[in-house]
Amino acid sequence: MIETNILVIGSGVAGLTFTVKMAERFPERRITIVTKGDEEESNTKYAQGGIAVVLDDKKDSFTKHIQDTLIAGDGLCDVEVVEMVIKEGPKRFKELMLWGTNFDVDNKGNLDLGKEGGHSEYRVVHHKDITGLEIERALLQRVHQLKNVTMLPHHFAIDLITEHHLAISNFKSISCYGAYVLNQNSGKILTVKASSTLLASGGIGRVYGHTTNPIIATGDGIAMAYRAKAKIKDMEFVQFHPTALYNAEEGTSFLISEAVRGFGAILRNKKGYRFMLDYDERAELASRDIVSQSIDRELKKSGNSCVYLDCTHLDITVFKSHFPNIYKKCLEQHIDVETDWIPVVPASHYLCGGIDIDKNGKTSISNLFACGECTRTGLHGANRLASNSLLEALVYAHNIFNYLVVNAPTLNVSKIPEWNDEGTCITKEHILIQHNLKQLQALMRDYVGIVRSDNLLTKAINHLDLIYNEVEELYKKAKVNTTLCELRNMINVAHLIISQSLLRKKNKGGYFNIDN
């Protein structure tokens, strides 16, 4: 048993920002961070573009940023949330700078602002093409200076502890008392008792196989919250990034940042035709849903495997300065950006829905908060505006901190049972896990991708039921391990995406069904 005041699940920008604020304000409170990979491994680490924030009030304004966000969200944004996040943005960004995060400046020493798809002005602050990695570095450095924070890498959260585990009958509401956590090195399961629990567990990209997300992005927080009966919303709105480096093999795809198109890169088909002007007057700078759907149509018309991003007309010296990581990665793949087009395809990138929370980050379960990509705040609506996600995480981490300053939770439970795995054994059927994982990912790509239909979604539910039943049978017999739990979580997430897709009868933003 580990007792802590606050349990944070995840070590990306959302979890770390909250931790820094809470630990510095309350040095007497114990905060425990569990993260299933290395401490720096998170979706944040792979964020290339930057943070969208209004800093230049001569050219830009809150009104413009709000309007751009609402347009991208296609009528489904919560206007009050949009206004709150964008107006709070500059304060939260300045905190990051005070904590030692470095951002690019121009030759006059001013912040170098970039422009991305859907933005009407230059407002994206960045650190070359590895913004997320730089933010992660600065936050981890600060966390390590805090004596009341315990970081537990390679610890996997299995399930939230609620009344369902406490054998309490006739309860009228659900509360969270912590989580059961697997120490992946020892195989032991810890019972972590916490007054407050924060889910900051990132995205769901691996559900689709081809993704810009890291291998850890298996939707664990959303699945745990779903099993605990928390409200989950807008799961149909999966954002596909239009330009991931084409890779014929399954797995994590390298992201070619939207900022490259903001810098002037052009999309062409195999014949060299610039096709985006046929779909939207903004061409390559249209919102991600439009660019992804346009590429999808081009590929289906031609039968080709990819389209191409043409940077050959751009100033290569400036390109290397702005995008050194992208330039290097392309060279490793024998692509010289100065003379060669970059082969690209859309890949699963970001989930606009998730655990439903209010402005204070509260879920529908008492003492359970959530922040970052695992949440549905109302900011993104049907489609996230580029570089609004890091901004959202910063603002909501601050809001949760503010709420807990005033509303310190108390635990009304004395005893929590240890994890019970009586009658289970270590599984030797790893081939079964891998087979079902590949089946699940192929199902989601082929039946629940960028363009959907009622027929394919209905077939997907039926196929998913078969996978679910087989995996649940194995789960009941086996001692838990990370790969089995991740697969179980991805099946839960897939079920939410498909079932909520079937309920949506009008196409919006990133959701497109040919039958609507």
Protein backbone atom coordinates (compact mmCIF):
# COMPACT_ATOMS: atom_id res chain seq x y z
CA MET A 1 0.00 0.00 0.00
CA ILE A 2 1.25 3.47 -0.94
CA GLU A 3 -0.56 6.43 0.58
CA THR A 4 -0.23 9.79 -1.14
CA ASN A 5 -2.16 13.05 -1.15
CA ILE A 6 -2.30 13.25 -4.94
CA LEU A 7 -1.77 10.55 -7.56
CA VAL A 8 -0.85 11.78 -11.05
CA ILE A 9 -1.09 9.23 -13.87
CA GLY A 10 1.08 10.44 -16.77
CA SER A 11 4.22 12.54 -17.12
CA GLY A 12 3.47 14.83 -20.05
CA VAL A 13 2.88 18.59 -19.99
CA ALA A 14 -0.52 18.21 -18.28
CA GLY A 15 0.63 16.06 -15.37
CA LEU A 16 3.97 17.78 -14.83
CA THR A 17 2.57 21.34 -14.95
CA PHE A 18 -0.04 20.46 -12.34
CA THR A 19 2.58 18.71 -10.20
CA VAL A 20 4.96 21.69 -10.21
CA LYS A 21 2.21 24.09 -9.16
CA MET A 22 0.77 21.83 -6.47
CA ALA A 23 4.08 20.70 -5.00
CA GLU A 24 5.50 24.22 -4.80
CA ARG A 25 2.36 25.59 -3.17
CA PHE A 26 1.96 22.72 -0.68
CA PRO A 27 5.40 21.31 0.23
CA GLU A 28 3.78 19.24 3.00
CA ARG A 29 1.58 17.29 0.55
CA ARG A 30 2.91 14.14 -1.08
CA ILE A 31 2.48 13.80 -4.84
CA THR A 32 3.14 10.52 -6.64
CA ILE A 33 3.54 10.39 -10.43
CA VAL A 34 3.20 7.02 -12.15
CA THR A 35 4.15 6.69 -15.80
CA LYS A 36 4.40 3.46 -17.74
CA GLY A 37 7.49 4.29 -19.78
CA ASP A 38 10.56 6.38 -19.04
CA GLU A 39 9.65 9.57 -17.21
CA GLU A 40 10.10 11.71 -20.33
CA GLU A 41 8.11 9.39 -22.63
CA SER A 42 4.76 11.01 -23.42
CA ASN A 43 2.77 12.51 -26.29
CA THR A 44 4.20 15.89 -25.22
CA LYS A 45 7.71 14.74 -26.12
CA TYR A 46 6.70 14.30 -29.77
CA ALA A 47 4.84 17.62 -30.22
CA GLN A 48 6.74 19.36 -32.99
CA GLY A 49 4.73 22.46 -33.82
CA GLY A 50 4.34 24.54 -30.68
CA ILE A 51 1.86 26.48 -28.58
CA ALA A 52 -0.73 28.78 -30.16
CA VAL A 53 -0.90 31.92 -28.06
CA VAL A 54 -1.74 35.57 -28.73
CA LEU A 55 1.37 37.68 -28.01
CA ASP A 56 1.41 40.28 -30.79
CA ASP A 57 -1.57 42.57 -30.07
CA LYS A 58 -0.77 44.82 -33.04
CA LYS A 59 -1.43 42.14 -35.64
CA ASP A 60 -3.24 39.48 -33.61
CA SER A 61 -6.04 39.44 -31.05
CA PHE A 62 -7.94 37.10 -28.74
CA THR A 63 -10.96 37.59 -31.01
CA LYS A 64 -9.07 36.25 -34.04
CA HIS A 65 -7.70 33.22 -32.17
CA ILE A 66 -11.14 32.47 -30.73
CA GLN A 67 -12.71 32.73 -34.17
CA ASP A 68 -10.08 30.44 -35.74
CA THR A 69 -10.70 27.86 -33.00
CA LEU A 70 -14.48 28.02 -33.45
CA ILE A 71 -14.19 27.64 -37.23
CA ALA A 72 -11.95 24.58 -36.86
CA GLY A 73 -14.34 23.09 -34.27
CA ASP A 74 -17.19 23.36 -36.79
CA GLY A 75 -19.90 24.59 -34.42
CA LEU A 76 -19.30 22.07 -31.63
CA CYS A 77 -16.91 24.07 -29.42
CA ASP A 78 -17.99 25.36 -26.02
CA VAL A 79 -17.61 29.10 -26.61
CA GLU A 80 -17.05 29.91 -22.93
CA VAL A 81 -14.25 27.32 -22.73
CA VAL A 82 -12.64 28.63 -25.93
CA GLU A 83 -12.64 32.18 -24.59
CA MET A 84 -11.25 31.08 -21.22
CA VAL A 85 -8.39 28.99 -22.64
CA ILE A 86 -7.28 31.56 -25.19
CA LYS A 87 -7.44 34.53 -22.81
CA GLU A 88 -5.55 32.60 -20.12
CA GLY A 89 -2.98 31.42 -22.65
CA PRO A 90 -0.41 34.23 -22.44
CA LYS A 91 -0.14 33.95 -18.62
CA ARG A 92 0.38 30.20 -18.70
CA PHE A 93 2.91 30.50 -21.54
CA LYS A 94 4.93 33.08 -19.62
CA GLU A 95 5.06 30.66 -16.67
CA LEU A 96 6.66 28.07 -18.92
CA MET A 97 9.32 30.59 -19.91
CA LEU A 98 9.95 31.48 -16.25
CA TRP A 99 10.44 27.78 -15.54
CA GLY A 100 13.27 27.65 -18.08
CA THR A 101 11.62 26.55 -21.33
CA ASN A 102 13.45 27.95 -24.37
CA PHE A 103 11.59 29.20 -27.43
CA ASP A 104 12.97 30.41 -30.76
CA VAL A 105 13.59 34.11 -31.27
CA ASP A 106 14.27 36.15 -34.41
CA ASN A 107 17.37 38.23 -35.10
CA LYS A 108 15.88 41.11 -33.08
CA GLY A 109 15.40 38.94 -30.02
CA ASN A 110 11.62 38.74 -30.34
CA LEU A 111 9.78 35.43 -30.17
CA ASP A 112 9.68 33.84 -33.63
CA LEU A 113 5.98 33.21 -34.28
CA GLY A 114 4.93 30.52 -36.75
CA LYS A 115 1.71 30.02 -38.67
CA GLU A 116 -0.12 26.71 -39.08
CA GLY A 117 -3.24 25.41 -40.81
CA GLY A 118 -6.45 27.11 -39.70
CA HIS A 119 -4.68 30.10 -38.11
CA SER A 120 -5.31 33.56 -39.53
CA GLU A 121 -2.15 35.04 -37.95
CA TYR A 122 1.39 34.11 -36.94
CA ARG A 123 0.95 33.04 -33.30
CA VAL A 124 2.65 29.67 -32.75
CA VAL A 125 5.64 29.80 -30.39
CA HIS A 126 8.08 26.95 -30.90
CA HIS A 127 11.50 25.51 -30.18
CA LYS A 128 12.74 24.50 -33.63
CA ASP A 129 10.70 21.36 -34.53
CA ILE A 130 11.00 19.73 -31.09
CA THR A 131 8.86 22.06 -28.96
CA GLY A 132 7.32 19.29 -26.86
CA LEU A 133 10.72 17.79 -26.04
CA GLU A 134 11.98 21.15 -24.80
CA ILE A 135 8.89 21.71 -22.63
CA GLU A 136 9.26 18.20 -21.20
CA ARG A 137 12.93 18.84 -20.39
CA ALA A 138 12.21 22.06 -18.50
CA LEU A 139 9.28 20.61 -16.55
CA LEU A 140 11.13 17.44 -15.53
CA GLN A 141 14.10 19.50 -14.39
CA ARG A 142 11.81 21.51 -12.13
CA VAL A 143 9.98 18.43 -10.82
CA HIS A 144 13.27 16.82 -9.80
CA GLN A 145 13.97 19.78 -7.53
CA LEU A 146 10.80 19.12 -5.51
CA LYS A 147 11.30 16.93 -2.44
CA ASN A 148 7.62 16.08 -1.98
CA VAL A 149 7.25 14.50 -5.45
CA THR A 150 7.89 10.80 -6.07
CA MET A 151 8.31 9.76 -9.70
CA LEU A 152 7.60 6.09 -10.49
CA PRO A 153 8.61 5.31 -14.10
CA HIS A 154 7.78 1.90 -15.58
CA HIS A 155 4.65 1.71 -13.44
CA PHE A 156 1.43 0.95 -15.29
CA ALA A 157 -1.95 2.02 -13.89
CA ILE A 158 -4.34 -0.93 -14.28
CA ASP A 159 -7.60 0.34 -12.80
CA LEU A 160 -8.99 3.20 -10.76
CA ILE A 161 -10.16 2.24 -7.27
CA THR A 162 -13.85 3.04 -6.72
CA GLU A 163 -16.81 1.70 -4.75
CA HIS A 164 -16.86 -1.23 -7.19
CA HIS A 165 -13.63 -2.50 -5.59
CA LEU A 166 -14.63 -1.69 -2.02
CA ALA A 167 -17.67 -3.97 -2.01
CA ILE A 168 -19.88 -1.03 -1.01
CA SER A 169 -23.49 -1.67 -1.92
CA ASN A 170 -26.26 0.80 -2.74
CA PHE A 171 -23.87 3.71 -3.41
CA LYS A 172 -25.51 6.71 -5.07
CA SER A 173 -22.38 8.32 -6.51
CA ILE A 174 -18.93 7.14 -7.48
CA SER A 175 -15.68 8.36 -5.94
CA CYS A 176 -12.05 7.59 -6.78
CA TYR A 177 -9.70 6.43 -4.03
CA GLY A 178 -6.54 5.95 -6.08
CA ALA A 179 -5.45 3.17 -8.43
CA TYR A 180 -3.99 -0.29 -8.72
CA VAL A 181 -0.57 0.07 -10.33
CA LEU A 182 1.70 -2.61 -11.85
CA ASN A 183 5.42 -2.30 -11.18
CA GLN A 184 6.62 -3.49 -14.57
CA ASN A 185 10.10 -4.38 -13.30
CA SER A 186 9.01 -6.60 -10.39
CA GLY A 187 5.58 -7.70 -11.62
CA LYS A 188 4.04 -6.68 -8.28
CA ILE A 189 0.78 -4.75 -8.14
CA LEU A 190 0.73 -1.75 -5.80
CA THR A 191 -2.37 -0.34 -4.17
CA VAL A 192 -2.00 3.44 -4.34
CA LYS A 193 -4.42 5.24 -2.03
CA ALA A 194 -4.89 8.93 -2.90
CA SER A 195 -7.18 11.78 -1.82
CA SER A 196 -7.16 13.10 -5.40
CA THR A 197 -6.26 11.37 -8.64
CA LEU A 198 -5.35 13.17 -11.88
CA LEU A 199 -5.55 11.33 -15.19
CA ALA A 200 -3.05 12.94 -17.57
CA SER A 201 -2.47 9.83 -19.63
CA GLY A 202 -2.36 11.16 -23.19
CA GLY A 203 -3.89 9.87 -26.40
CA ILE A 204 -5.12 6.79 -28.25
CA GLY A 205 -3.07 6.73 -31.47
CA ARG A 206 -1.96 3.10 -31.29
CA VAL A 207 -5.57 1.96 -31.59
CA TYR A 208 -5.08 2.67 -35.32
CA GLY A 209 -1.57 1.23 -35.66
CA HIS A 210 -0.37 3.89 -38.11
CA THR A 211 0.03 6.89 -35.82
CA THR A 212 2.22 9.88 -35.06
CA ASN A 213 1.86 9.02 -31.35
CA PRO A 214 4.47 7.10 -29.36
CA ILE A 215 4.03 3.40 -28.61
CA ILE A 216 2.62 4.21 -25.15
CA ALA A 217 -0.48 6.00 -26.54
CA THR A 218 -3.03 3.25 -25.89
CA GLY A 219 -5.86 5.26 -24.32
CA ASP A 220 -5.29 3.83 -20.83
CA GLY A 221 -6.76 6.78 -18.90
CA ILE A 222 -9.92 6.91 -20.98
CA ALA A 223 -10.42 3.15 -20.69
CA MET A 224 -9.90 3.19 -16.91
CA ALA A 225 -12.33 6.09 -16.52
CA TYR A 226 -14.87 4.32 -18.77
CA ARG A 227 -14.70 1.13 -16.73
CA ALA A 228 -15.15 3.23 -13.57
CA LYS A 229 -18.36 4.65 -15.15
CA ALA A 230 -17.08 8.17 -15.83
CA LYS A 231 -18.78 10.15 -18.59
CA ILE A 232 -16.93 9.86 -21.93
CA LYS A 233 -17.88 12.12 -24.83
CA ASP A 234 -17.07 12.99 -28.48
CA MET A 235 -14.93 9.90 -29.11
CA GLU A 236 -15.90 9.88 -32.79
CA PHE A 237 -13.71 12.91 -33.41
CA VAL A 238 -10.32 11.34 -34.08
CA GLN A 239 -8.01 13.79 -35.80
CA PHE A 240 -5.75 12.42 -38.49
CA HIS A 241 -2.62 14.43 -39.17
CA PRO A 242 -2.45 14.98 -42.93
CA THR A 243 1.31 14.65 -43.30
CA ALA A 244 3.04 11.73 -41.61
CA LEU A 245 6.14 10.43 -43.36
CA TYR A 246 5.01 7.48 -45.46
CA ASN A 247 6.17 4.14 -44.11
CA ALA A 248 4.94 0.93 -45.70
CA GLU A 249 5.31 -0.88 -42.38
CA GLU A 250 2.89 -0.64 -39.47
CA GLY A 251 3.80 1.37 -36.39
CA THR A 252 4.68 4.86 -35.26
CA SER A 253 4.90 7.30 -38.17
CA PHE A 254 7.23 10.28 -38.11
CA LEU A 255 5.31 13.55 -38.13
CA ILE A 256 6.03 16.19 -40.75
CA SER A 257 4.85 19.22 -38.81
CA GLU A 258 2.00 21.40 -39.99
CA ALA A 259 4.47 24.26 -39.63
CA VAL A 260 6.23 22.97 -42.77
CA ARG A 261 3.09 23.75 -44.76
CA GLY A 262 2.87 27.06 -42.90
CA PHE A 263 6.41 27.69 -44.10
CA GLY A 264 5.25 27.27 -47.70
CA ALA A 265 5.42 23.57 -48.60
CA ILE A 266 2.98 22.35 -51.28
CA LEU A 267 1.07 19.06 -51.51
CA ARG A 268 1.23 17.27 -54.86
CA ASN A 269 -0.03 13.96 -56.19
CA LYS A 270 2.26 11.45 -57.89
CA LYS A 271 1.88 13.28 -61.21
CA GLY A 272 3.00 16.56 -59.62
CA TYR A 273 -0.44 18.17 -59.59
CA ARG A 274 -1.13 20.55 -56.67
CA PHE A 275 -4.53 19.17 -55.70
CA MET A 276 -5.44 21.05 -52.51
CA LEU A 277 -6.69 24.09 -54.45
CA ASP A 278 -9.44 21.82 -55.83
CA TYR A 279 -10.79 21.23 -52.30
CA ASP A 280 -10.32 24.48 -50.36
CA GLU A 281 -9.28 28.04 -51.20
CA ARG A 282 -6.86 27.94 -48.24
CA ALA A 283 -5.11 25.05 -50.02
CA GLU A 284 -2.40 23.50 -47.80
CA LEU A 285 -3.35 25.80 -44.91
CA ALA A 286 -6.90 24.49 -44.61
CA SER A 287 -7.75 22.80 -41.31
CA ARG A 288 -6.46 19.29 -40.69
CA ASP A 289 -9.78 17.54 -41.27
CA ILE A 290 -10.11 19.06 -44.74
CA VAL A 291 -6.51 18.33 -45.74
CA SER A 292 -6.72 14.73 -44.46
CA GLN A 293 -10.04 14.06 -46.21
CA SER A 294 -8.68 15.60 -49.42
CA ILE A 295 -5.60 13.37 -49.35
CA ASP A 296 -7.81 10.36 -48.61
CA ARG A 297 -9.92 11.13 -51.70
CA GLU A 298 -6.80 11.59 -53.87
CA LEU A 299 -5.40 8.24 -52.75
CA LYS A 300 -8.69 6.43 -53.35
CA LYS A 301 -9.04 8.00 -56.82
CA SER A 302 -5.49 7.15 -57.87
CA GLY A 303 -4.88 3.93 -55.97
CA ASN A 304 -1.51 5.31 -54.90
CA SER A 305 -0.08 4.71 -51.42
CA CYS A 306 0.91 8.29 -50.67
CA VAL A 307 0.98 11.90 -51.84
CA TYR A 308 3.98 14.23 -51.67
CA LEU A 309 5.02 17.35 -49.80
CA ASP A 310 7.13 19.59 -52.05
CA CYS A 311 9.65 21.81 -50.24
CA THR A 312 12.10 22.14 -53.13
CA HIS A 313 11.16 25.79 -53.81
CA LEU A 314 11.88 26.86 -50.22
CA ASP A 315 15.05 28.44 -48.84
CA ILE A 316 16.91 25.31 -47.69
CA THR A 317 19.16 27.18 -45.25
CA VAL A 318 16.17 28.64 -43.41
CA PHE A 319 14.38 25.28 -43.63
CA LYS A 320 17.28 23.50 -41.92
CA SER A 321 17.29 26.14 -39.20
CA HIS A 322 13.53 25.84 -38.56
CA PHE A 323 13.17 22.08 -39.01
CA PRO A 324 16.50 20.39 -38.25
CA ASN A 325 14.92 17.22 -36.91
CA ILE A 326 12.62 16.80 -39.92
CA TYR A 327 15.50 17.50 -42.33
CA LYS A 328 17.68 14.91 -40.56
CA LYS A 329 14.93 12.27 -40.48
CA CYS A 330 14.26 12.70 -44.20
CA LEU A 331 17.97 12.29 -44.99
CA GLU A 332 17.99 9.07 -42.96
CA GLN A 333 15.23 7.86 -45.30
CA HIS A 334 17.31 8.94 -48.35
CA ILE A 335 15.07 11.95 -48.99
CA ASP A 336 16.90 15.21 -49.68
CA VAL A 337 14.33 17.92 -48.97
CA GLU A 338 16.18 20.36 -51.25
CA THR A 339 15.62 18.19 -54.33
CA ASP A 340 13.14 15.43 -53.39
CA TRP A 341 9.46 15.47 -52.53
CA ILE A 342 8.57 13.96 -49.14
CA PRO A 343 6.10 11.03 -49.36
CA VAL A 344 3.31 11.57 -46.83
CA VAL A 345 0.01 10.01 -45.71
CA PRO A 346 -2.52 10.89 -43.01
CA ALA A 347 -2.03 9.07 -39.69
CA SER A 348 -3.96 8.92 -36.44
CA HIS A 349 -2.79 11.92 -34.47
CA TYR A 350 -5.10 13.40 -31.84
CA LEU A 351 -8.36 12.65 -30.06
CA CYS A 352 -10.68 15.65 -29.67
CA GLY A 353 -13.03 13.81 -27.30
CA GLY A 354 -12.36 11.83 -24.14
CA ILE A 355 -13.19 12.00 -20.45
CA ASP A 356 -15.80 14.72 -20.01
CA ILE A 357 -14.60 17.42 -17.60
CA ASP A 358 -15.77 20.83 -16.44
CA LYS A 359 -13.69 24.02 -16.37
CA ASN A 360 -12.02 22.87 -13.15
CA GLY A 361 -10.95 19.58 -14.68
CA LYS A 362 -13.50 17.63 -12.60
CA THR A 363 -14.84 14.38 -14.07
CA SER A 364 -18.24 12.89 -13.23
CA ILE A 365 -16.46 10.84 -10.51
CA SER A 366 -15.66 12.54 -7.19
CA ASN A 367 -11.96 13.15 -6.46
CA LEU A 368 -11.04 12.22 -10.04
CA PHE A 369 -9.65 14.95 -12.28
CA ALA A 370 -8.36 14.77 -15.84
CA CYS A 371 -6.21 16.98 -18.04
CA GLY A 372 -4.67 16.94 -21.52
CA GLU A 373 -5.47 14.77 -24.51
CA CYS A 374 -7.41 12.16 -22.52
CA THR A 375 -10.11 14.78 -21.89
CA ARG A 376 -13.05 16.35 -23.64
CA THR A 377 -13.13 20.00 -22.52
CA GLY A 378 -15.19 21.60 -25.29
CA LEU A 379 -12.19 23.55 -26.63
CA HIS A 380 -11.67 21.51 -29.79
CA GLY A 381 -15.24 20.72 -30.80
CA ALA A 382 -15.24 18.53 -33.89
CA ASN A 383 -11.64 19.29 -34.88
CA ARG A 384 -8.66 20.67 -32.96
CA LEU A 385 -7.00 23.80 -34.26
CA ALA A 386 -3.26 23.19 -34.67
CA SER A 387 -1.12 23.86 -31.58
CA ASN A 388 -4.11 24.41 -29.27
CA SER A 389 -3.49 21.16 -27.36
CA LEU A 390 -0.40 22.16 -25.34
CA LEU A 391 -2.21 25.42 -24.55
CA GLU A 392 -5.25 23.50 -23.29
CA ALA A 393 -3.09 21.29 -21.05
CA LEU A 394 -1.37 24.30 -19.48
CA VAL A 395 -4.62 26.13 -18.76
CA TYR A 396 -6.48 23.12 -17.35
CA ALA A 397 -3.53 22.05 -15.19
CA HIS A 398 -3.67 25.54 -13.67
CA ASN A 399 -7.46 25.38 -13.21
CA ILE A 400 -7.27 22.02 -11.41
CA PHE A 401 -4.53 23.40 -9.17
CA ASN A 402 -6.67 26.48 -8.36
CA TYR A 403 -9.66 24.30 -7.56
CA LEU A 404 -7.72 22.05 -5.19
CA VAL A 405 -6.18 25.04 -3.41
CA VAL A 406 -9.67 26.01 -2.27
CA ASN A 407 -11.29 22.55 -2.16
CA ALA A 408 -8.89 20.17 -0.46
CA PRO A 409 -10.38 16.66 -0.76
CA THR A 410 -10.67 14.15 2.06
CA LEU A 411 -10.77 10.37 1.80
CA ASN A 412 -13.78 8.79 3.49
CA VAL A 413 -12.49 5.24 3.33
CA SER A 414 -10.31 3.42 5.82
CA LYS A 415 -9.41 0.18 4.10
CA ILE A 416 -8.82 -0.61 0.44
CA PRO A 417 -8.43 -4.27 -0.57
CA GLU A 418 -5.23 -5.44 -2.23
CA TRP A 419 -5.37 -6.55 -5.86
CA ASN A 420 -6.85 -10.04 -6.07
CA ASP A 421 -5.36 -12.31 -8.75
CA GLU A 422 -6.19 -15.59 -7.07
CA GLY A 423 -6.63 -18.42 -9.56
CA THR A 424 -4.67 -16.68 -12.36
CA CYS A 425 -1.38 -17.73 -13.93
CA ILE A 426 1.32 -16.18 -16.10
CA THR A 427 0.07 -16.42 -19.67
CA LYS A 428 2.11 -18.18 -22.32
CA GLU A 429 -0.30 -17.16 -25.07
CA HIS A 430 1.50 -14.00 -26.20
CA ILE A 431 0.72 -14.87 -29.81
CA LEU A 432 -2.97 -14.47 -28.95
CA ILE A 433 -2.37 -10.93 -27.68
CA GLN A 434 -0.34 -9.92 -30.74
CA HIS A 435 -2.83 -11.49 -33.16
CA ASN A 436 -5.76 -9.64 -31.58
CA LEU A 437 -3.80 -6.38 -31.47
CA LYS A 438 -3.10 -6.55 -35.21
CA GLN A 439 -6.72 -7.47 -35.90
CA LEU A 440 -7.94 -4.53 -33.84
CA GLN A 441 -5.64 -2.01 -35.54
CA ALA A 442 -6.52 -3.25 -39.04
CA LEU A 443 -10.23 -3.11 -38.15
CA MET A 444 -9.95 0.51 -36.98
CA ARG A 445 -7.93 1.63 -40.01
CA ASP A 446 -10.12 -0.11 -42.59
CA TYR A 447 -13.58 0.33 -41.03
CA VAL A 448 -13.30 3.38 -38.75
CA GLY A 449 -10.83 5.63 -40.58
CA ILE A 450 -10.94 9.12 -42.07
CA VAL A 451 -14.08 8.38 -44.13
CA ARG A 452 -16.70 6.12 -42.49
CA SER A 453 -20.05 4.53 -43.36
CA ASP A 454 -22.91 3.06 -41.32
CA ASN A 455 -22.35 -0.33 -42.93
CA LEU A 456 -18.65 -0.49 -42.03
CA LEU A 457 -19.25 0.86 -38.51
CA THR A 458 -21.90 -1.81 -37.86
CA LYS A 459 -19.56 -4.51 -39.18
CA ALA A 460 -16.80 -3.06 -37.00
CA ILE A 461 -18.90 -3.44 -33.83
CA ASN A 462 -19.57 -7.10 -34.66
CA HIS A 463 -15.90 -7.85 -35.35
CA LEU A 464 -14.86 -5.99 -32.21
CA ASP A 465 -17.20 -8.12 -30.07
CA LEU A 466 -15.31 -11.25 -31.15
CA ILE A 467 -11.96 -9.69 -30.22
CA TYR A 468 -13.37 -8.40 -26.93
CA ASN A 469 -14.73 -11.79 -25.85
CA GLU A 470 -11.47 -13.57 -26.62
CA VAL A 471 -9.34 -11.01 -24.76
CA GLU A 472 -11.67 -10.87 -21.73
CA GLU A 473 -11.51 -14.63 -21.42
CA LEU A 474 -7.71 -14.45 -21.39
CA TYR A 475 -7.73 -11.52 -18.93
CA LYS A 476 -9.75 -13.47 -16.38
CA LYS A 477 -7.25 -16.36 -16.42
CA ALA A 478 -3.95 -14.48 -16.71
CA LYS A 479 -1.84 -12.55 -14.26
CA VAL A 480 -1.92 -9.00 -15.58
CA ASN A 481 0.88 -7.72 -17.77
CA THR A 482 1.27 -4.46 -19.64
CA THR A 483 0.62 -5.72 -23.18
CA LEU A 484 -2.56 -7.53 -22.17
CA CYS A 485 -3.86 -4.51 -20.23
CA GLU A 486 -3.01 -2.14 -23.10
CA LEU A 487 -4.88 -4.34 -25.57
CA ARG A 488 -7.88 -4.43 -23.23
CA ASN A 489 -7.78 -0.64 -22.96
CA MET A 490 -7.54 -0.21 -26.74
CA ILE A 491 -10.57 -2.46 -27.20
CA ASN A 492 -12.52 -0.26 -24.76
CA VAL A 493 -11.43 2.86 -26.66
CA ALA A 494 -12.31 1.30 -30.03
CA HIS A 495 -15.78 0.42 -28.71
CA LEU A 496 -16.30 4.05 -27.63
CA ILE A 497 -15.13 5.43 -30.99
CA ILE A 498 -17.35 3.09 -33.01
CA SER A 499 -20.47 3.32 -30.84
CA GLN A 500 -20.32 7.12 -30.63
CA SER A 501 -19.66 7.31 -34.38
CA LEU A 502 -22.88 5.38 -35.01
CA LEU A 503 -24.80 7.90 -32.89
CA ARG A 504 -23.56 10.90 -34.91
CA LYS A 505 -25.97 11.63 -37.74
CA LYS A 506 -24.40 14.84 -39.06
CA ASN A 507 -20.89 15.27 -40.41
CA LYS A 508 -18.83 17.76 -38.45
CA GLY A 509 -15.16 18.69 -38.51
CA GLY A 510 -12.99 15.60 -38.41
CA TYR A 511 -15.97 13.24 -38.59
CA PHE A 512 -17.13 12.26 -42.07
CA ASN A 513 -19.68 9.50 -42.78
CA ILE A 514 -20.75 8.98 -46.41
CA ASP A 515 -24.27 8.04 -45.21
CA ASN A 516 -24.90 11.37 -43.42
